[in-house]
């Protein structure tokens, strides 16, 4: 096969991403690598390994295997400019790890009012108990969010389109206001996915997916991910390891398999949803269609 400089489209990326030869050994799809304890040639080898970075190296099952690394690598490749991706056992676990990697007691979080209900529950529960305050903002605020950023504001959490009500935020304007004040931005990008909205490329620091939805695509796996911009992955990874967060190799394998058809499925979802929305708009019993 000849090399080419022609840009690779998203539909091709999802088919090819995460297939490093050292992980596949020539197999088309990375197999399931299950592990807990890793064997070493000697105690010296173990001690040496413990002093080095364990990223993409077998060290202990909780640190990952090629099955997890393959899916994480694939999701990173879908976000131009991203440094890395960490995987979780659910979308809510991903949200928790992302927030805890950024916030400390005494900090303030600006949270979009249209956020996913478990995210709101986390803000009023776990974060509140940790001494982190939350203020909600109108999803249509745009650049006006600059007026809400205070001395203790450390992060802005967006969700666009908004959960259930589907408001599309002016993400670039919010990101610009945040960067001017040194505030970290997080985006729940589950609805759009990086195929419709490459968040890191738009300046977002941490972008979150409930892989349970479009990545897996078959309503049979719980999975989450956080993809980080340069300068944010190390802290995310450290926090996630300290929390004991890990997605199982079997779930990640199913996630990788689902990812291969995500572009095709999203195109059909988009077409079908528009037809349904247009039909609902004609129904006398429907007061309003949010689409």
Protein backbone atom coordinates (compact mmCIF):
# COMPACT_ATOMS: atom_id res chain seq x y z
CA UNK A 1 0.00 0.00 0.00
CA UNK A 2 1.47 3.36 -0.99
CA UNK A 3 1.81 6.27 1.40
CA UNK A 4 -0.32 9.34 0.81
CA UNK A 5 -0.60 12.80 2.29
CA UNK A 6 -4.32 12.95 1.59
CA UNK A 7 -6.23 13.85 4.79
CA UNK A 8 -8.06 10.92 6.36
CA UNK A 9 -11.79 11.52 6.86
CA UNK A 10 -13.63 10.78 10.09
CA UNK A 11 -15.42 7.77 8.59
CA UNK A 12 -12.02 6.27 7.79
CA UNK A 13 -10.48 7.27 11.12
CA UNK A 14 -13.03 5.35 13.18
CA UNK A 15 -12.27 2.22 11.17
CA UNK A 16 -8.48 2.46 11.40
CA UNK A 17 -7.83 4.21 14.73
CA UNK A 18 -6.17 2.41 17.63
CA UNK A 19 -4.70 -0.40 15.57
CA UNK A 20 -1.03 -0.17 16.49
CA UNK A 21 0.92 -3.24 15.31
CA UNK A 22 2.36 -3.85 18.78
CA UNK A 23 -1.20 -4.21 20.12
CA UNK A 24 -2.73 -6.21 17.28
CA UNK A 25 0.18 -8.48 16.24
CA UNK A 26 -1.29 -8.49 12.75
CA UNK A 27 -4.85 -9.20 13.89
CA UNK A 28 -7.37 -6.84 12.30
CA UNK A 29 -9.17 -5.97 15.55
CA UNK A 30 -7.23 -5.74 18.84
CA UNK A 31 -8.13 -8.80 20.94
CA UNK A 32 -9.22 -8.78 24.58
CA UNK A 33 -6.20 -8.64 26.91
CA UNK A 34 -7.32 -9.44 30.47
CA UNK A 35 -4.85 -9.03 33.33
CA UNK A 36 -4.38 -8.27 37.00
CA UNK A 37 -0.89 -9.35 38.11
CA UNK A 38 1.95 -8.96 35.60
CA UNK A 39 4.91 -11.35 35.82
CA UNK A 40 8.49 -10.03 35.85
CA UNK A 41 11.79 -11.76 35.17
CA UNK A 42 13.24 -10.66 38.51
CA UNK A 43 12.70 -8.37 41.49
CA UNK A 44 15.15 -5.97 39.86
CA UNK A 45 13.02 -5.88 36.73
CA UNK A 46 9.93 -5.15 38.84
CA UNK A 47 11.65 -2.31 40.71
CA UNK A 48 12.96 -0.82 37.50
CA UNK A 49 9.50 -0.91 35.93
CA UNK A 50 7.99 0.82 38.96
CA UNK A 51 10.28 3.83 38.47
CA UNK A 52 9.23 4.41 34.85
CA UNK A 53 6.08 5.81 33.34
CA UNK A 54 3.50 3.04 32.99
CA UNK A 55 1.63 4.71 30.12
CA UNK A 56 1.14 2.09 27.39
CA UNK A 57 3.27 -0.42 29.33
CA UNK A 58 2.02 -3.48 31.17
CA UNK A 59 2.51 -2.95 34.90
CA UNK A 60 -0.69 -3.99 36.67
CA UNK A 61 -4.16 -4.68 35.32
CA UNK A 62 -5.56 -1.46 36.75
CA UNK A 63 -3.03 0.50 34.67
CA UNK A 64 -4.46 -0.99 31.50
CA UNK A 65 -3.73 -3.48 28.74
CA UNK A 66 -3.50 -3.07 24.95
CA UNK A 67 -7.28 -3.50 24.73
CA UNK A 68 -7.92 -0.37 26.79
CA UNK A 69 -5.01 1.54 25.24
CA UNK A 70 -6.30 0.81 21.75
CA UNK A 71 -9.72 2.37 22.38
CA UNK A 72 -8.21 5.32 24.25
CA UNK A 73 -5.75 5.91 21.42
CA UNK A 74 -8.57 5.76 18.87
CA UNK A 75 -10.65 8.34 20.75
CA UNK A 76 -7.62 10.61 21.09
CA UNK A 77 -7.04 10.47 17.34
CA UNK A 78 -10.60 11.73 16.75
CA UNK A 79 -9.78 14.93 18.68
CA UNK A 80 -7.12 16.88 16.73
CA UNK A 81 -4.61 18.41 19.12
CA UNK A 82 -5.46 16.16 22.08
CA UNK A 83 -2.75 14.73 24.32
CA UNK A 84 -4.50 11.60 25.57
CA UNK A 85 -7.67 9.83 26.68
CA UNK A 86 -8.57 7.95 29.87
CA UNK A 87 -11.39 5.40 29.98
CA UNK A 88 -13.96 4.81 32.73
CA UNK A 89 -16.66 2.32 33.69
CA UNK A 90 -19.43 4.83 32.85
CA UNK A 91 -20.03 8.34 31.62
CA UNK A 92 -20.79 9.56 35.15
CA UNK A 93 -17.48 8.11 36.37
CA UNK A 94 -15.75 10.06 33.60
CA UNK A 95 -17.48 13.29 34.67
CA UNK A 96 -16.48 12.73 38.31
CA UNK A 97 -12.83 12.07 37.47
CA UNK A 98 -12.62 15.07 35.16
CA UNK A 99 -14.08 17.43 37.76
CA UNK A 100 -11.95 16.06 40.60
CA UNK A 101 -8.80 16.44 38.51
CA UNK A 102 -9.48 20.17 38.30
CA UNK A 103 -11.32 21.25 41.47
CA UNK A 104 -10.20 21.56 45.10
CA UNK A 105 -11.95 22.64 48.32
CA UNK A 106 -12.82 26.33 48.15
CA UNK A 107 -13.10 26.38 44.36
CA UNK A 108 -16.17 27.39 42.40
CA UNK A 109 -17.64 25.55 39.41
CA UNK A 110 -19.80 27.24 36.78
CA UNK A 111 -22.20 24.55 35.54
CA UNK A 112 -24.60 24.92 32.61
CA UNK A 113 -28.22 24.80 33.73
CA UNK A 114 -29.12 22.25 31.04
CA UNK A 115 -26.58 19.68 32.27
CA UNK A 116 -27.28 15.96 32.58
CA UNK A 117 -29.14 15.31 35.84
CA UNK A 118 -26.42 13.08 37.42
CA UNK A 119 -23.93 15.92 36.80
CA UNK A 120 -26.19 18.30 38.71
CA UNK A 121 -26.54 15.69 41.44
CA UNK A 122 -22.76 15.42 41.69
CA UNK A 123 -22.45 19.19 42.04
CA UNK A 124 -25.03 19.32 44.84
CA UNK A 125 -23.74 16.18 46.53
CA UNK A 126 -20.12 15.05 46.25
CA UNK A 127 -18.64 18.41 45.25
CA UNK A 128 -20.62 20.29 47.90
CA UNK A 129 -19.39 17.88 50.60
CA UNK A 130 -15.83 18.56 49.44
CA UNK A 131 -16.30 22.30 49.91
CA UNK A 132 -16.71 23.11 46.22
CA UNK A 133 -19.48 25.56 45.34
CA UNK A 134 -21.50 25.51 42.12
CA UNK A 135 -23.26 28.31 40.26
CA UNK A 136 -25.52 27.56 37.31
CA UNK A 137 -25.53 29.60 34.13
CA UNK A 138 -27.90 30.01 31.18
CA UNK A 139 -26.76 27.79 28.26
CA UNK A 140 -27.25 30.71 25.86
CA UNK A 141 -25.00 33.07 27.82
CA UNK A 142 -22.10 32.99 25.34
CA UNK A 143 -19.40 35.60 25.98
CA UNK A 144 -21.50 36.97 28.84
CA UNK A 145 -20.10 34.22 31.04
CA UNK A 146 -17.10 36.48 31.62
CA UNK A 147 -19.28 38.45 34.06
CA UNK A 148 -19.83 35.31 36.16
CA UNK A 149 -16.18 34.34 36.52
CA UNK A 150 -15.08 35.18 40.05
CA UNK A 151 -11.89 34.97 42.07
CA UNK A 152 -12.54 31.35 43.07
CA UNK A 153 -13.91 30.12 39.74
CA UNK A 154 -11.69 27.25 38.62
CA UNK A 155 -13.76 25.48 35.98
CA UNK A 156 -16.65 25.89 33.57
CA UNK A 157 -18.61 22.75 32.72
CA UNK A 158 -20.52 22.87 29.42
CA UNK A 159 -22.85 20.40 27.77
CA UNK A 160 -23.72 21.12 24.16
CA UNK A 161 -26.27 20.24 22.94
CA UNK A 162 -27.82 20.41 26.39
CA UNK A 163 -29.24 17.28 27.96
CA UNK A 164 -32.94 16.89 27.04
CA UNK A 165 -33.46 20.54 26.04
CA UNK A 166 -30.70 20.55 23.39
CA UNK A 167 -29.48 24.15 23.58
CA UNK A 168 -26.30 24.62 21.54
CA UNK A 169 -23.83 26.76 23.48
CA UNK A 170 -21.38 29.25 22.00
CA UNK A 171 -18.44 27.10 23.05
CA UNK A 172 -15.70 29.23 21.40
CA UNK A 173 -16.97 32.37 23.17
CA UNK A 174 -17.11 30.61 26.55
CA UNK A 175 -13.66 29.10 26.02
CA UNK A 176 -12.21 32.51 25.12
CA UNK A 177 -13.63 34.07 28.29
CA UNK A 178 -12.30 31.18 30.38
CA UNK A 179 -8.79 31.29 28.92
CA UNK A 180 -8.57 35.03 29.54
CA UNK A 181 -9.05 34.30 33.27
CA UNK A 182 -7.08 31.03 33.51
CA UNK A 183 -10.22 28.93 34.04
CA UNK A 184 -10.35 25.29 32.90
CA UNK A 185 -13.13 24.31 30.50
CA UNK A 186 -14.88 20.94 30.41
CA UNK A 187 -17.46 19.81 27.86
CA UNK A 188 -19.82 16.86 27.95
CA UNK A 189 -19.67 16.12 24.23
CA UNK A 190 -21.76 12.94 24.32
CA UNK A 191 -24.49 14.15 21.97
CA UNK A 192 -22.25 15.63 19.27
CA UNK A 193 -19.22 13.31 19.62
CA UNK A 194 -15.89 14.45 18.15
CA UNK A 195 -17.20 13.60 14.67
CA UNK A 196 -19.68 16.50 14.77
CA UNK A 197 -17.78 18.75 17.20
CA UNK A 198 -14.00 18.28 17.70
CA UNK A 199 -13.89 20.03 21.07
CA UNK A 200 -10.13 20.06 21.74
CA UNK A 201 -9.57 21.76 18.40
CA UNK A 202 -12.04 24.44 19.56
CA UNK A 203 -10.00 25.13 22.69
CA UNK A 204 -11.80 22.97 25.27
CA UNK A 205 -9.44 21.55 27.92
CA UNK A 206 -11.27 18.32 28.83
CA UNK A 207 -13.95 16.71 26.68
CA UNK A 208 -16.15 13.93 28.05
CA UNK A 209 -18.10 11.15 26.35
CA UNK A 210 -20.59 8.69 27.74
CA UNK A 211 -19.31 5.94 25.46
CA UNK A 212 -22.39 4.01 26.54
CA UNK A 213 -24.32 5.97 23.91
CA UNK A 214 -22.86 6.44 20.42
CA UNK A 215 -19.41 4.84 20.80
CA UNK A 216 -20.75 1.46 21.91
CA UNK A 217 -23.98 1.96 20.01
CA UNK A 218 -25.88 -1.16 21.07
CA UNK A 219 -27.20 -0.40 24.59
CA UNK A 220 -25.26 -3.26 26.14
CA UNK A 221 -22.13 -1.69 27.69
CA UNK A 222 -21.42 1.07 30.23
CA UNK A 223 -18.38 3.13 29.25
CA UNK A 224 -17.00 6.65 29.59
CA UNK A 225 -14.00 8.65 28.43
CA UNK A 226 -12.21 11.94 29.01
CA UNK A 227 -9.91 13.34 26.34
CA UNK A 228 -7.46 16.02 27.43
CA UNK A 229 -5.75 18.92 25.72
CA UNK A 230 -1.97 19.28 26.18
CA UNK A 231 -1.09 20.11 29.77
CA UNK A 232 -4.18 18.46 31.27
CA UNK A 233 -3.70 14.73 30.68
CA UNK A 234 -1.10 14.06 33.39
CA UNK A 235 -3.31 15.41 36.18
CA UNK A 236 -6.36 13.60 34.78
CA UNK A 237 -4.47 10.32 34.63
CA UNK A 238 -3.02 10.69 38.13
CA UNK A 239 -6.43 11.52 39.61
CA UNK A 240 -8.08 8.61 37.81
CA UNK A 241 -5.48 6.12 39.04
CA UNK A 242 -5.80 7.44 42.61
CA UNK A 243 -9.57 6.96 42.39
CA UNK A 244 -9.04 3.39 41.17
CA UNK A 245 -10.91 4.09 37.96
CA UNK A 246 -10.70 1.42 35.28
CA UNK A 247 -12.84 0.24 32.38
CA UNK A 248 -12.80 -3.51 31.85
CA UNK A 249 -10.97 -4.91 28.80
CA UNK A 250 -14.13 -6.69 27.68
CA UNK A 251 -16.16 -3.48 27.73
CA UNK A 252 -13.38 -1.62 25.93
CA UNK A 253 -13.26 -4.31 23.26
CA UNK A 254 -16.99 -3.88 22.69
CA UNK A 255 -16.44 -0.11 22.63
CA UNK A 256 -13.77 -0.48 19.95
CA UNK A 257 -16.05 -2.68 17.88
CA UNK A 258 -18.88 -0.17 18.17
CA UNK A 259 -16.59 2.71 17.24
CA UNK A 260 -15.92 1.19 13.81
CA UNK A 261 -19.51 1.89 12.71
CA UNK A 262 -20.11 5.12 14.63
CA UNK A 263 -19.81 7.43 11.61
CA UNK A 264 -22.34 5.38 9.63
CA UNK A 265 -24.74 5.17 12.58
CA UNK A 266 -24.55 8.88 13.36
CA UNK A 267 -25.41 9.77 9.77
CA UNK A 268 -28.51 7.55 9.97
CA UNK A 269 -29.43 8.86 13.44
CA UNK A 270 -29.27 12.40 12.09
CA UNK A 271 -31.48 11.62 9.11
CA UNK A 272 -34.03 9.60 11.07
CA UNK A 273 -34.24 12.08 13.96
CA UNK A 274 -34.92 14.98 11.60
CA UNK A 275 -37.74 13.09 9.91
CA UNK A 276 -39.29 12.22 13.27
CA UNK A 277 -38.94 15.82 14.51
CA UNK A 278 -40.61 17.15 11.37
CA UNK A 279 -43.48 14.67 11.76
CA UNK A 280 -43.92 15.53 15.46
CA UNK A 281 -44.09 19.21 14.56
CA UNK A 282 -47.26 18.52 12.56
CA UNK A 283 -49.02 16.73 15.42
CA UNK A 284 -51.73 18.73 17.23
CA UNK A 285 -50.95 17.03 20.56
CA UNK A 286 -47.31 18.26 20.48
CA UNK A 287 -46.76 21.77 21.89
CA UNK A 288 -43.06 22.13 21.06
CA UNK A 289 -40.28 20.13 19.41
CA UNK A 290 -36.73 20.55 20.72
CA UNK A 291 -34.31 19.40 18.03
